[in-house]
Protein backbone atom coordinates (compact mmCIF):
# COMPACT_ATOMS: atom_id res chain seq x y z
CA MET A 1 91.89 100.42 26.90
CA THR A 2 90.69 99.18 23.50
CA LYS A 3 93.08 98.75 20.85
CA LYS A 4 92.42 98.05 16.93
CA ILE A 5 94.36 95.16 15.24
CA LEU A 6 94.30 93.97 11.78
CA LYS A 7 93.65 90.47 10.51
CA CYS A 8 93.49 88.98 6.97
CA PRO A 9 90.16 87.72 6.05
CA LYS A 10 91.44 84.49 4.53
CA CYS A 11 93.68 82.97 7.51
CA GLU A 12 92.48 85.70 10.21
CA SER A 13 96.05 86.37 11.14
CA ASN A 14 97.61 89.30 12.22
CA ASN A 15 100.43 89.47 10.56
CA VAL A 16 99.32 91.85 8.11
CA VAL A 17 101.15 94.96 6.96
CA PRO A 18 100.14 97.65 4.70
CA GLU A 19 101.63 97.53 0.89
CA ALA A 20 101.12 100.23 -0.95
CA GLY A 21 98.88 103.26 -1.76
CA PHE A 22 99.13 105.06 0.95
CA VAL A 23 97.49 108.59 -0.50
CA THR A 24 94.37 106.87 -2.04
CA GLY A 25 93.60 103.87 0.58
CA TYR A 26 95.90 100.94 1.75
CA LYS A 27 96.35 97.52 0.27
CA TYR A 28 97.25 94.94 2.76
CA HIS A 29 99.58 91.84 2.51
CA CYS A 30 99.30 88.83 4.73
CA MET A 31 102.81 87.37 5.73
CA ASP A 32 101.33 83.96 6.42
CA CYS A 33 99.13 83.17 3.47
CA HIS A 34 100.43 85.77 1.38
CA TYR A 35 97.06 87.32 0.65
CA ARG A 36 97.34 90.78 -1.09
CA GLY A 37 94.03 92.97 -1.83
CA VAL A 38 92.25 96.02 0.09
CA LEU A 39 89.55 94.13 2.23
CA ILE A 40 90.82 93.68 5.69
CA LEU A 41 89.74 92.66 9.16
CA GLU A 42 89.78 95.41 12.14
CA VAL A 43 88.93 94.12 15.32
CA ASP A 44 88.79 95.70 18.92
CA TYR A 45 91.40 94.09 20.88
CA GLU A 46 90.57 95.00 25.28
CA GLU A 47 94.31 95.67 26.24
CA GLU A 48 94.83 94.96 30.35
């Protein structure tokens, strides 16, 4: 089964949380490098 994970575009960490803007779109916050922005990477992850 394929699952989508979010990754930070700056440090490629998957420790990313949505911060604001649930109605008009998301703004994300990386807890590792403290990146804040709307650009985020969605990566397919294959579960066993």
